[in-house]
Amino acid sequence: MAIDVEVVKDLLLKMGFEKVFMIEKTYNCILLLGKLKEIDMLIGIYTGEISLYAKIIKSEEILEPHWKCDYLEYFPQGLYAFSQSKNLDELVQNIVAKAEVITKRGSALI
């Protein structure tokens, strides 16, 4: 299943993100840079065999040359969001919920 970048960007903007930019797109991943409550976050959205999942991390935690789908997936910090039914609406709701957790933790490493 190909992930429609524009649909994801629109959903994130409707749910509170101030800005969303695409950084990378591969066959099973899109990497976005989004801003929520003045905090820049990397959001990697991945297509699994039976679900969609995302990894969310503050962009300052990873050096910019490593802003890649493969690197983000295995980076030890960050929070995951899931959609068991491959539903983008459900996944984006979970992404926003995890991003809110990150904003509340402020400068703490996640």
PDB file of N, CA and C in Angstrom:
ATOM      1  N   MET A   1       0.845  -1.184   0.000  1.00  0.00           N
ATOM      2  CA  MET A   1       0.000   0.000   0.000  1.00  0.00           C
ATOM      3  C   MET A   1       0.889   1.245   0.000  1.00  0.00           C
ATOM      4  N   ALA A   2       0.727   2.066  -0.989  1.00  0.00           N
ATOM      5  CA  ALA A   2       1.472   3.327  -1.054  1.00  0.00           C
ATOM      6  C   ALA A   2       0.794   4.349  -0.139  1.00  0.00           C
ATOM      7  N   ILE A   3       1.600   5.079   0.581  1.00  0.00           N
ATOM      8  CA  ILE A   3       1.087   6.096   1.494  1.00  0.00           C
ATOM      9  C   ILE A   3       0.981   7.411   0.733  1.00  0.00           C
ATOM     10  N   ASP A   4      -0.190   8.022   0.753  1.00  0.00           N
ATOM     11  CA  ASP A   4      -0.407   9.294   0.069  1.00  0.00           C
ATOM     12  C   ASP A   4       0.104  10.429   0.960  1.00  0.00           C
ATOM     13  N   VAL A   5       1.211  11.010   0.564  1.00  0.00           N
ATOM     14  CA  VAL A   5       1.877  12.046   1.360  1.00  0.00           C
ATOM     15  C   VAL A   5       0.960  13.240   1.595  1.00  0.00           C
ATOM     16  N   GLU A   6       0.271  13.678   0.565  1.00  0.00           N
ATOM     17  CA  GLU A   6      -0.578  14.868   0.694  1.00  0.00           C
ATOM     18  C   GLU A   6      -1.728  14.638   1.664  1.00  0.00           C
ATOM     19  N   VAL A   7      -2.293  13.447   1.655  1.00  0.00           N
ATOM     20  CA  VAL A   7      -3.373  13.125   2.594  1.00  0.00           C
ATOM     21  C   VAL A   7      -2.846  13.181   4.027  1.00  0.00           C
ATOM     22  N   VAL A   8      -1.686  12.588   4.253  1.00  0.00           N
ATOM     23  CA  VAL A   8      -1.090  12.595   5.596  1.00  0.00           C
ATOM     24  C   VAL A   8      -0.783  14.024   6.035  1.00  0.00           C
ATOM     25  N   LYS A   9      -0.181  14.816   5.152  1.00  0.00           N
ATOM     26  CA  LYS A   9       0.133  16.206   5.493  1.00  0.00           C
ATOM     27  C   LYS A   9      -1.133  16.975   5.852  1.00  0.00           C
ATOM     28  N   ASP A  10      -2.187  16.827   5.044  1.00  0.00           N
ATOM     29  CA  ASP A  10      -3.447  17.528   5.318  1.00  0.00           C
ATOM     30  C   ASP A  10      -4.043  17.115   6.663  1.00  0.00           C
ATOM     31  N   LEU A  11      -4.021  15.815   6.955  1.00  0.00           N
ATOM     32  CA  LEU A  11      -4.559  15.332   8.229  1.00  0.00           C
ATOM     33  C   LEU A  11      -3.768  15.892   9.412  1.00  0.00           C
ATOM     34  N   LEU A  12      -2.449  15.894   9.310  1.00  0.00           N
ATOM     35  CA  LEU A  12      -1.623  16.435  10.393  1.00  0.00           C
ATOM     36  C   LEU A  12      -1.893  17.925  10.606  1.00  0.00           C
ATOM     37  N   LEU A  13      -2.033  18.668   9.521  1.00  0.00           N
ATOM     38  CA  LEU A  13      -2.317  20.103   9.633  1.00  0.00           C
ATOM     39  C   LEU A  13      -3.688  20.344  10.255  1.00  0.00           C
ATOM     40  N   LYS A  14      -4.676  19.542   9.877  1.00  0.00           N
ATOM     41  CA  LYS A  14      -6.023  19.684  10.448  1.00  0.00           C
ATOM     42  C   LYS A  14      -6.046  19.350  11.933  1.00  0.00           C
ATOM     43  N   MET A  15      -5.132  18.494  12.369  1.00  0.00           N
ATOM     44  CA  MET A  15      -5.138  18.049  13.766  1.00  0.00           C
ATOM     45  C   MET A  15      -4.164  18.828  14.649  1.00  0.00           C
ATOM     46  N   GLY A  16      -3.636  19.948  14.144  1.00  0.00           N
ATOM     47  CA  GLY A  16      -2.878  20.825  15.020  1.00  0.00           C
ATOM     48  C   GLY A  16      -1.437  21.119  14.651  1.00  0.00           C
ATOM     49  N   PHE A  17      -0.862  20.378  13.720  1.00  0.00           N
ATOM     50  CA  PHE A  17       0.510  20.690  13.311  1.00  0.00           C
ATOM     51  C   PHE A  17       0.507  22.022  12.571  1.00  0.00           C
ATOM     52  N   GLU A  18       1.518  22.838  12.820  1.00  0.00           N
ATOM     53  CA  GLU A  18       1.606  24.150  12.188  1.00  0.00           C
ATOM     54  C   GLU A  18       2.178  24.063  10.778  1.00  0.00           C
ATOM     55  N   LYS A  19       3.168  23.191  10.598  1.00  0.00           N
ATOM     56  CA  LYS A  19       3.821  23.010   9.296  1.00  0.00           C
ATOM     57  C   LYS A  19       4.185  21.543   9.146  1.00  0.00           C
ATOM     58  N   VAL A  20       4.176  21.063   7.898  1.00  0.00           N
ATOM     59  CA  VAL A  20       4.593  19.688   7.613  1.00  0.00           C
ATOM     60  C   VAL A  20       5.297  19.675   6.261  1.00  0.00           C
ATOM     61  N   PHE A  21       6.514  19.119   6.229  1.00  0.00           N
ATOM     62  CA  PHE A  21       7.297  19.015   4.999  1.00  0.00           C
ATOM     63  C   PHE A  21       7.737  17.573   4.791  1.00  0.00           C
ATOM     64  N   MET A  22       7.780  17.142   3.536  1.00  0.00           N
ATOM     65  CA  MET A  22       8.289  15.813   3.239  1.00  0.00           C
ATOM     66  C   MET A  22       9.808  15.888   3.093  1.00  0.00           C
ATOM     67  N   ILE A  23      10.514  14.984   3.772  1.00  0.00           N
ATOM     68  CA  ILE A  23      11.971  14.914   3.713  1.00  0.00           C
ATOM     69  C   ILE A  23      12.416  13.808   2.766  1.00  0.00           C
ATOM     70  N   GLU A  24      11.756  12.653   2.856  1.00  0.00           N
ATOM     71  CA  GLU A  24      12.162  11.492   2.058  1.00  0.00           C
ATOM     72  C   GLU A  24      10.954  10.597   1.812  1.00  0.00           C
ATOM     73  N   LYS A  25      10.967   9.931   0.665  1.00  0.00           N
ATOM     74  CA  LYS A  25       9.936   8.936   0.356  1.00  0.00           C
ATOM     75  C   LYS A  25      10.628   7.722  -0.249  1.00  0.00           C
ATOM     76  N   THR A  26      10.353   6.544   0.330  1.00  0.00           N
ATOM     77  CA  THR A  26      10.880   5.289  -0.196  1.00  0.00           C
ATOM     78  C   THR A  26       9.702   4.368  -0.493  1.00  0.00           C
ATOM     79  N   TYR A  27       9.996   3.136  -0.890  1.00  0.00           N
ATOM     80  CA  TYR A  27       8.917   2.216  -1.264  1.00  0.00           C
ATOM     81  C   TYR A  27       7.989   1.880  -0.103  1.00  0.00           C
ATOM     82  N   ASN A  28       8.451   1.937   1.143  1.00  0.00           N
ATOM     83  CA  ASN A  28       7.573   1.596   2.268  1.00  0.00           C
ATOM     84  C   ASN A  28       7.589   2.642   3.387  1.00  0.00           C
ATOM     85  N   CYS A  29       8.058   3.849   3.086  1.00  0.00           N
ATOM     86  CA  CYS A  29       8.189   4.859   4.142  1.00  0.00           C
ATOM     87  C   CYS A  29       8.092   6.266   3.572  1.00  0.00           C
ATOM     88  N   ILE A  30       7.510   7.144   4.379  1.00  0.00           N
ATOM     89  CA  ILE A  30       7.658   8.579   4.125  1.00  0.00           C
ATOM     90  C   ILE A  30       8.204   9.200   5.410  1.00  0.00           C
ATOM     91  N   LEU A  31       9.120  10.130   5.249  1.00  0.00           N
ATOM     92  CA  LEU A  31       9.699  10.835   6.388  1.00  0.00           C
ATOM     93  C   LEU A  31       9.276  12.290   6.293  1.00  0.00           C
ATOM     94  N   LEU A  32       8.618  12.760   7.341  1.00  0.00           N
ATOM     95  CA  LEU A  32       8.112  14.121   7.385  1.00  0.00           C
ATOM     96  C   LEU A  32       8.794  14.897   8.503  1.00  0.00           C
ATOM     97  N   LEU A  33       8.885  16.199   8.306  1.00  0.00           N
ATOM     98  CA  LEU A  33       9.319  17.121   9.350  1.00  0.00           C
ATOM     99  C   LEU A  33       8.113  17.986   9.667  1.00  0.00           C
ATOM    100  N   GLY A  34       7.653  17.923  10.902  1.00  0.00           N
ATOM    101  CA  GLY A  34       6.475  18.685  11.289  1.00  0.00           C
ATOM    102  C   GLY A  34       6.754  19.552  12.495  1.00  0.00           C
ATOM    103  N   LYS A  35       5.981  20.619  12.623  1.00  0.00           N
ATOM    104  CA  LYS A  35       6.130  21.528  13.760  1.00  0.00           C
ATOM    105  C   LYS A  35       4.819  21.533  14.538  1.00  0.00           C
ATOM    106  N   LEU A  36       4.921  21.194  15.823  1.00  0.00           N
ATOM    107  CA  LEU A  36       3.766  21.210  16.718  1.00  0.00           C
ATOM    108  C   LEU A  36       4.168  21.954  17.984  1.00  0.00           C
ATOM    109  N   LYS A  37       3.448  23.012  18.295  1.00  0.00           N
ATOM    110  CA  LYS A  37       3.722  23.815  19.493  1.00  0.00           C
ATOM    111  C   LYS A  37       5.183  24.231  19.575  1.00  0.00           C
ATOM    112  N   GLU A  38       5.694  24.738  18.461  1.00  0.00           N
ATOM    113  CA  GLU A  38       7.063  25.263  18.371  1.00  0.00           C
ATOM    114  C   GLU A  38       8.149  24.193  18.496  1.00  0.00           C
ATOM    115  N   ILE A  39       7.795  22.926  18.421  1.00  0.00           N
ATOM    116  CA  ILE A  39       8.788  21.848  18.478  1.00  0.00           C
ATOM    117  C   ILE A  39       8.795  21.120  17.141  1.00  0.00           C
ATOM    118  N   ASP A  40       9.981  21.042  16.526  1.00  0.00           N
ATOM    119  CA  ASP A  40      10.133  20.325  15.262  1.00  0.00           C
ATOM    120  C   ASP A  40      10.292  18.839  15.542  1.00  0.00           C
ATOM    121  N   MET A  41       9.533  18.038  14.796  1.00  0.00           N
ATOM    122  CA  MET A  41       9.559  16.592  14.984  1.00  0.00           C
ATOM    123  C   MET A  41       9.722  15.878  13.662  1.00  0.00           C
ATOM    124  N   LEU A  42      10.469  14.789  13.699  1.00  0.00           N
ATOM    125  CA  LEU A  42      10.552  13.893  12.553  1.00  0.00           C
ATOM    126  C   LEU A  42       9.492  12.822  12.735  1.00  0.00           C
ATOM    127  N   ILE A  43       8.781  12.535  11.654  1.00  0.00           N
ATOM    128  CA  ILE A  43       7.731  11.517  11.674  1.00  0.00           C
ATOM    129  C   ILE A  43       7.999  10.564  10.524  1.00  0.00           C
ATOM    130  N   GLY A  44       8.374   9.364  10.854  1.00  0.00           N
ATOM    131  CA  GLY A  44       8.555   8.327   9.841  1.00  0.00           C
ATOM    132  C   GLY A  44       7.316   7.460   9.819  1.00  0.00           C
ATOM    133  N   ILE A  45       6.678   7.348   8.662  1.00  0.00           N
ATOM    134  CA  ILE A  45       5.477   6.515   8.529  1.00  0.00           C
ATOM    135  C   ILE A  45       5.833   5.333   7.646  1.00  0.00           C
ATOM    136  N   TYR A  46       5.594   4.143   8.178  1.00  0.00           N
ATOM    137  CA  TYR A  46       6.032   2.908   7.533  1.00  0.00           C
ATOM    138  C   TYR A  46       4.845   2.003   7.222  1.00  0.00           C
ATOM    139  N   THR A  47       4.952   1.273   6.112  1.00  0.00           N
ATOM    140  CA  THR A  47       3.948   0.291   5.738  1.00  0.00           C
ATOM    141  C   THR A  47       4.457  -1.088   6.120  1.00  0.00           C
ATOM    142  N   GLY A  48       3.776  -1.715   7.084  1.00  0.00           N
ATOM    143  CA  GLY A  48       4.098  -3.083   7.459  1.00  0.00           C
ATOM    144  C   GLY A  48       3.241  -4.048   6.658  1.00  0.00           C
ATOM    145  N   GLU A  49       3.395  -5.327   6.922  1.00  0.00           N
ATOM    146  CA  GLU A  49       2.608  -6.324   6.196  1.00  0.00           C
ATOM    147  C   GLU A  49       1.125  -6.223   6.506  1.00  0.00           C
ATOM    148  N   ILE A  50       0.793  -5.973   7.785  1.00  0.00           N
ATOM    149  CA  ILE A  50      -0.623  -5.934   8.154  1.00  0.00           C
ATOM    150  C   ILE A  50      -1.039  -4.624   8.820  1.00  0.00           C
ATOM    151  N   SER A  51      -0.131  -3.690   8.957  1.00  0.00           N
ATOM    152  CA  SER A  51      -0.488  -2.439   9.619  1.00  0.00           C
ATOM    153  C   SER A  51       0.386  -1.290   9.129  1.00  0.00           C
ATOM    154  N   LEU A  52      -0.030  -0.097   9.510  1.00  0.00           N
ATOM    155  CA  LEU A  52       0.791   1.100   9.331  1.00  0.00           C
ATOM    156  C   LEU A  52       1.339   1.474  10.697  1.00  0.00           C
ATOM    157  N   TYR A  53       2.558   1.971  10.733  1.00  0.00           N
ATOM    158  CA  TYR A  53       3.094   2.444  12.001  1.00  0.00           C
ATOM    159  C   TYR A  53       3.975   3.655  11.744  1.00  0.00           C
ATOM    160  N   ALA A  54       4.188   4.408  12.800  1.00  0.00           N
ATOM    161  CA  ALA A  54       4.979   5.632  12.684  1.00  0.00           C
ATOM    162  C   ALA A  54       5.920   5.746  13.870  1.00  0.00           C
ATOM    163  N   LYS A  55       7.024   6.409  13.642  1.00  0.00           N
ATOM    164  CA  LYS A  55       7.960   6.739  14.719  1.00  0.00           C
ATOM    165  C   LYS A  55       8.073   8.252  14.758  1.00  0.00           C
ATOM    166  N   ILE A  56       7.949   8.796  15.961  1.00  0.00           N
ATOM    167  CA  ILE A  56       7.962  10.236  16.151  1.00  0.00           C
ATOM    168  C   ILE A  56       9.098  10.581  17.113  1.00  0.00           C
ATOM    169  N   ILE A  57       9.904  11.569  16.735  1.00  0.00           N
ATOM    170  CA  ILE A  57      11.029  11.983  17.575  1.00  0.00           C
ATOM    171  C   ILE A  57      11.313  13.463  17.323  1.00  0.00           C
ATOM    172  N   LYS A  58      11.790  14.145  18.350  1.00  0.00           N
ATOM    173  CA  LYS A  58      12.192  15.538  18.153  1.00  0.00           C
ATOM    174  C   LYS A  58      13.351  15.578  17.169  1.00  0.00           C
ATOM    175  N   SER A  59      13.290  16.498  16.226  1.00  0.00           N
ATOM    176  CA  SER A  59      14.308  16.554  15.172  1.00  0.00           C
ATOM    177  C   SER A  59      15.698  16.838  15.727  1.00  0.00           C
ATOM    178  N   GLU A  60      15.777  17.520  16.846  1.00  0.00           N
ATOM    179  CA  GLU A  60      17.086  17.854  17.421  1.00  0.00           C
ATOM    180  C   GLU A  60      17.820  16.628  17.972  1.00  0.00           C
ATOM    181  N   GLU A  61      17.135  15.513  18.104  1.00  0.00           N
ATOM    182  CA  GLU A  61      17.758  14.303  18.645  1.00  0.00           C
ATOM    183  C   GLU A  61      18.641  13.589  17.615  1.00  0.00           C
ATOM    184  N   ILE A  62      18.430  13.877  16.333  1.00  0.00           N
ATOM    185  CA  ILE A  62      19.175  13.207  15.266  1.00  0.00           C
ATOM    186  C   ILE A  62      19.858  14.267  14.405  1.00  0.00           C
ATOM    187  N   LEU A  63      21.124  14.086  14.119  1.00  0.00           N
ATOM    188  CA  LEU A  63      21.822  15.010  13.227  1.00  0.00           C
ATOM    189  C   LEU A  63      21.173  14.979  11.847  1.00  0.00           C
ATOM    190  N   GLU A  64      21.072  16.135  11.223  1.00  0.00           N
ATOM    191  CA  GLU A  64      20.369  16.252   9.943  1.00  0.00           C
ATOM    192  C   GLU A  64      20.842  15.285   8.855  1.00  0.00           C
ATOM    193  N   PRO A  65      22.130  14.989   8.725  1.00  0.00           N
ATOM    194  CA  PRO A  65      22.535  14.025   7.685  1.00  0.00           C
ATOM    195  C   PRO A  65      21.914  12.632   7.868  1.00  0.00           C
ATOM    196  N   HIS A  66      21.421  12.349   9.067  1.00  0.00           N
ATOM    197  CA  HIS A  66      20.817  11.045   9.346  1.00  0.00           C
ATOM    198  C   HIS A  66      19.292  11.076   9.268  1.00  0.00           C
ATOM    199  N   TRP A  67      18.709  12.126   8.738  1.00  0.00           N
ATOM    200  CA  TRP A  67      17.264  12.196   8.586  1.00  0.00           C
ATOM    201  C   TRP A  67      16.862  11.312   7.411  1.00  0.00           C
ATOM    202  N   LYS A  68      16.824  10.026   7.646  1.00  0.00           N
ATOM    203  CA  LYS A  68      16.492   9.015   6.635  1.00  0.00           C
ATOM    204  C   LYS A  68      15.531   8.014   7.256  1.00  0.00           C
ATOM    205  N   CYS A  69      14.650   7.466   6.435  1.00  0.00           N
ATOM    206  CA  CYS A  69      13.668   6.485   6.910  1.00  0.00           C
ATOM    207  C   CYS A  69      14.329   5.330   7.643  1.00  0.00           C
ATOM    208  N   ASP A  70      15.339   4.742   7.032  1.00  0.00           N
ATOM    209  CA  ASP A  70      15.984   3.567   7.620  1.00  0.00           C
ATOM    210  C   ASP A  70      16.656   3.897   8.950  1.00  0.00           C
ATOM    211  N   TYR A  71      17.296   5.038   9.028  1.00  0.00           N
ATOM    212  CA  TYR A  71      17.992   5.414  10.257  1.00  0.00           C
ATOM    213  C   TYR A  71      16.995   5.673  11.379  1.00  0.00           C
ATOM    214  N   LEU A  72      15.932   6.405  11.071  1.00  0.00           N
ATOM    215  CA  LEU A  72      14.940   6.755  12.089  1.00  0.00           C
ATOM    216  C   LEU A  72      14.288   5.507  12.677  1.00  0.00           C
ATOM    217  N   GLU A  73      14.011   4.540  11.835  1.00  0.00           N
ATOM    218  CA  GLU A  73      13.312   3.336  12.293  1.00  0.00           C
ATOM    219  C   GLU A  73      14.084   2.614  13.400  1.00  0.00           C
ATOM    220  N   TYR A  74      15.401   2.621  13.324  1.00  0.00           N
ATOM    221  CA  TYR A  74      16.212   1.884  14.293  1.00  0.00           C
ATOM    222  C   TYR A  74      16.880   2.766  15.344  1.00  0.00           C
ATOM    223  N   PHE A  75      16.614   4.071  15.302  1.00  0.00           N
ATOM    224  CA  PHE A  75      17.172   4.979  16.304  1.00  0.00           C
ATOM    225  C   PHE A  75      16.512   4.673  17.652  1.00  0.00           C
ATOM    226  N   PRO A  76      17.284   4.610  18.747  1.00  0.00           N
ATOM    227  CA  PRO A  76      16.726   4.122  20.012  1.00  0.00           C
ATOM    228  C   PRO A  76      15.741   5.056  20.717  1.00  0.00           C
ATOM    229  N   GLN A  77      15.735   6.340  20.409  1.00  0.00           N
ATOM    230  CA  GLN A  77      14.778   7.237  21.040  1.00  0.00           C
ATOM    231  C   GLN A  77      13.542   7.386  20.156  1.00  0.00           C
ATOM    232  N   GLY A  78      12.476   7.922  20.759  1.00  0.00           N
ATOM    233  CA  GLY A  78      11.266   8.207  20.013  1.00  0.00           C
ATOM    234  C   GLY A  78      10.089   7.387  20.493  1.00  0.00           C
ATOM    235  N   LEU A  79       8.928   7.742  19.985  1.00  0.00           N
ATOM    236  CA  LEU A  79       7.691   7.045  20.327  1.00  0.00           C
ATOM    237  C   LEU A  79       7.071   6.473  19.060  1.00  0.00           C
ATOM    238  N   TYR A  80       6.379   5.357  19.208  1.00  0.00           N
ATOM    239  CA  TYR A  80       5.713   4.713  18.075  1.00  0.00           C
ATOM    240  C   TYR A  80       4.210   4.932  18.143  1.00  0.00           C
ATOM    241  N   ALA A  81       3.590   4.995  16.972  1.00  0.00           N
ATOM    242  CA  ALA A  81       2.133   5.035  16.837  1.00  0.00           C
ATOM    243  C   ALA A  81       1.749   3.962  15.821  1.00  0.00           C
ATOM    244  N   PHE A  82       0.583   3.345  16.027  1.00  0.00           N
ATOM    245  CA  PHE A  82       0.172   2.232  15.171  1.00  0.00           C
ATOM    246  C   PHE A  82      -1.257   2.394  14.675  1.00  0.00           C
ATOM    247  N   SER A  83      -1.536   1.778  13.526  1.00  0.00           N
ATOM    248  CA  SER A  83      -2.892   1.595  13.017  1.00  0.00           C
ATOM    249  C   SER A  83      -2.980   0.154  12.543  1.00  0.00           C
ATOM    250  N   GLN A  84      -3.717  -0.657  13.254  1.00  0.00           N
ATOM    251  CA  GLN A  84      -3.814  -2.074  12.912  1.00  0.00           C
ATOM    252  C   GLN A  84      -4.540  -2.313  11.593  1.00  0.00           C
ATOM    253  N   SER A  85      -5.395  -1.380  11.193  1.00  0.00           N
ATOM    254  CA  SER A  85      -6.227  -1.587  10.004  1.00  0.00           C
ATOM    255  C   SER A  85      -5.708  -0.869   8.761  1.00  0.00           C
ATOM    256  N   LYS A  86      -4.491  -0.342   8.811  1.00  0.00           N
ATOM    257  CA  LYS A  86      -3.931   0.457   7.713  1.00  0.00           C
ATOM    258  C   LYS A  86      -4.795   1.680   7.405  1.00  0.00           C
ATOM    259  N   ASN A  87      -5.396   2.248   8.446  1.00  0.00           N
ATOM    260  CA  ASN A  87      -6.258   3.413   8.324  1.00  0.00           C
ATOM    261  C   ASN A  87      -5.434   4.663   8.633  1.00  0.00           C
ATOM    262  N   LEU A  88      -5.285   5.545   7.641  1.00  0.00           N
ATOM    263  CA  LEU A  88      -4.469   6.754   7.831  1.00  0.00           C
ATOM    264  C   LEU A  88      -5.047   7.689   8.887  1.00  0.00           C
ATOM    265  N   ASP A  89      -6.378   7.810   8.938  1.00  0.00           N
ATOM    266  CA  ASP A  89      -6.992   8.680   9.946  1.00  0.00           C
ATOM    267  C   ASP A  89      -6.625   8.216  11.356  1.00  0.00           C
ATOM    268  N   GLU A  90      -6.749   6.908  11.586  1.00  0.00           N
ATOM    269  CA  GLU A  90      -6.413   6.345  12.895  1.00  0.00           C
ATOM    270  C   GLU A  90      -4.932   6.556  13.211  1.00  0.00           C
ATOM    271  N   LEU A  91      -4.080   6.317  12.238  1.00  0.00           N
ATOM    272  CA  LEU A  91      -2.642   6.484  12.453  1.00  0.00           C
ATOM    273  C   LEU A  91      -2.304   7.929  12.789  1.00  0.00           C
ATOM    274  N   VAL A  92      -2.859   8.873  12.044  1.00  0.00           N
ATOM    275  CA  VAL A  92      -2.558  10.290  12.292  1.00  0.00           C
ATOM    276  C   VAL A  92      -3.060  10.718  13.671  1.00  0.00           C
ATOM    277  N   GLN A  93      -4.216  10.227  14.094  1.00  0.00           N
ATOM    278  CA  GLN A  93      -4.695  10.532  15.450  1.00  0.00           C
ATOM    279  C   GLN A  93      -3.698  10.043  16.492  1.00  0.00           C
ATOM    280  N   ASN A  94      -3.174   8.851  16.287  1.00  0.00           N
ATOM    281  CA  ASN A  94      -2.188   8.298  17.219  1.00  0.00           C
ATOM    282  C   ASN A  94      -0.858   9.052  17.152  1.00  0.00           C
ATOM    283  N   ILE A  95      -0.472   9.495  15.951  1.00  0.00           N
ATOM    284  CA  ILE A  95       0.751  10.299  15.805  1.00  0.00           C
ATOM    285  C   ILE A  95       0.620  11.599  16.593  1.00  0.00           C
ATOM    286  N   VAL A  96      -0.515  12.269  16.448  1.00  0.00           N
ATOM    287  CA  VAL A  96      -0.723  13.542  17.146  1.00  0.00           C
ATOM    288  C   VAL A  96      -0.716  13.325  18.661  1.00  0.00           C
ATOM    289  N   ALA A  97      -1.321  12.239  19.121  1.00  0.00           N
ATOM    290  CA  ALA A  97      -1.322  11.941  20.559  1.00  0.00           C
ATOM    291  C   ALA A  97       0.107  11.746  21.075  1.00  0.00           C
ATOM    292  N   LYS A  98       0.930  11.022  20.331  1.00  0.00           N
ATOM    293  CA  LYS A  98       2.327  10.809  20.744  1.00  0.00           C
ATOM    294  C   LYS A  98       3.131  12.102  20.645  1.00  0.00           C
ATOM    295  N   ALA A  99       2.865  12.905  19.622  1.00  0.00           N
ATOM    296  CA  ALA A  99       3.557  14.187  19.474  1.00  0.00           C
ATOM    297  C   ALA A  99       3.220  15.113  20.642  1.00  0.00           C
ATOM    298  N   GLU A 100       1.979  15.062  21.113  1.00  0.00           N
ATOM    299  CA  GLU A 100       1.587  15.860  22.282  1.00  0.00           C
ATOM    300  C   GLU A 100       2.383  15.437  23.515  1.00  0.00           C
ATOM    301  N   VAL A 101       2.611  14.139  23.666  1.00  0.00           N
ATOM    302  CA  VAL A 101       3.426  13.643  24.782  1.00  0.00           C
ATOM    303  C   VAL A 101       4.830  14.232  24.694  1.00  0.00           C
ATOM    304  N   ILE A 102       5.379  14.248  23.493  1.00  0.00           N
ATOM    305  CA  ILE A 102       6.724  14.792  23.295  1.00  0.00           C
ATOM    306  C   ILE A 102       6.766  16.280  23.651  1.00  0.00           C
ATOM    307  N   THR A 103       5.756  17.038  23.247  1.00  0.00           N
ATOM    308  CA  THR A 103       5.753  18.478  23.552  1.00  0.00           C
ATOM    309  C   THR A 103       5.650  18.726  25.049  1.00  0.00           C
ATOM    310  N   LYS A 104       4.945  17.870  25.762  1.00  0.00           N
ATOM    311  CA  LYS A 104       4.782  18.055  27.208  1.00  0.00           C
ATOM    312  C   LYS A 104       6.049  17.717  27.979  1.00  0.00           C
ATOM    313  N   ARG A 105       6.897  16.894  27.395  1.00  0.00           N
ATOM    314  CA  ARG A 105       8.137  16.510  28.077  1.00  0.00           C
ATOM    315  C   ARG A 105       9.225  17.565  27.901  1.00  0.00           C
ATOM    316  N   GLY A 106       8.976  18.548  27.053  1.00  0.00           N
ATOM    317  CA  GLY A 106       9.932  19.639  26.879  1.00  0.00           C
ATOM    318  C   GLY A 106      11.277  19.169  26.376  1.00  0.00           C
ATOM    319  N   SER A 107      12.317  19.472  27.109  1.00  0.00           N
ATOM    320  CA  SER A 107      13.672  19.189  26.640  1.00  0.00           C
ATOM    321  C   SER A 107      14.170  17.804  27.048  1.00  0.00           C
ATOM    322  N   ALA A 108      13.350  17.021  27.714  1.00  0.00           N
ATOM    323  CA  ALA A 108      13.788  15.679  28.129  1.00  0.00           C
ATOM    324  C   ALA A 108      13.984  14.791  26.914  1.00  0.00           C
ATOM    325  N   LEU A 109      14.969  13.939  26.986  1.00  0.00           N
ATOM    326  CA  LEU A 109      15.211  12.972  25.909  1.00  0.00           C
ATOM    327  C   LEU A 109      14.084  11.969  25.867  1.00  0.00           C
ATOM    328  N   ILE A 110      13.595  11.701  24.668  1.00  0.00           N
ATOM    329  CA  ILE A 110      12.531  10.705  24.499  1.00  0.00           C
ATOM    330  C   ILE A 110      13.041   9.618  23.606  1.00  0.00           C
TER     331      ILE A 110
END
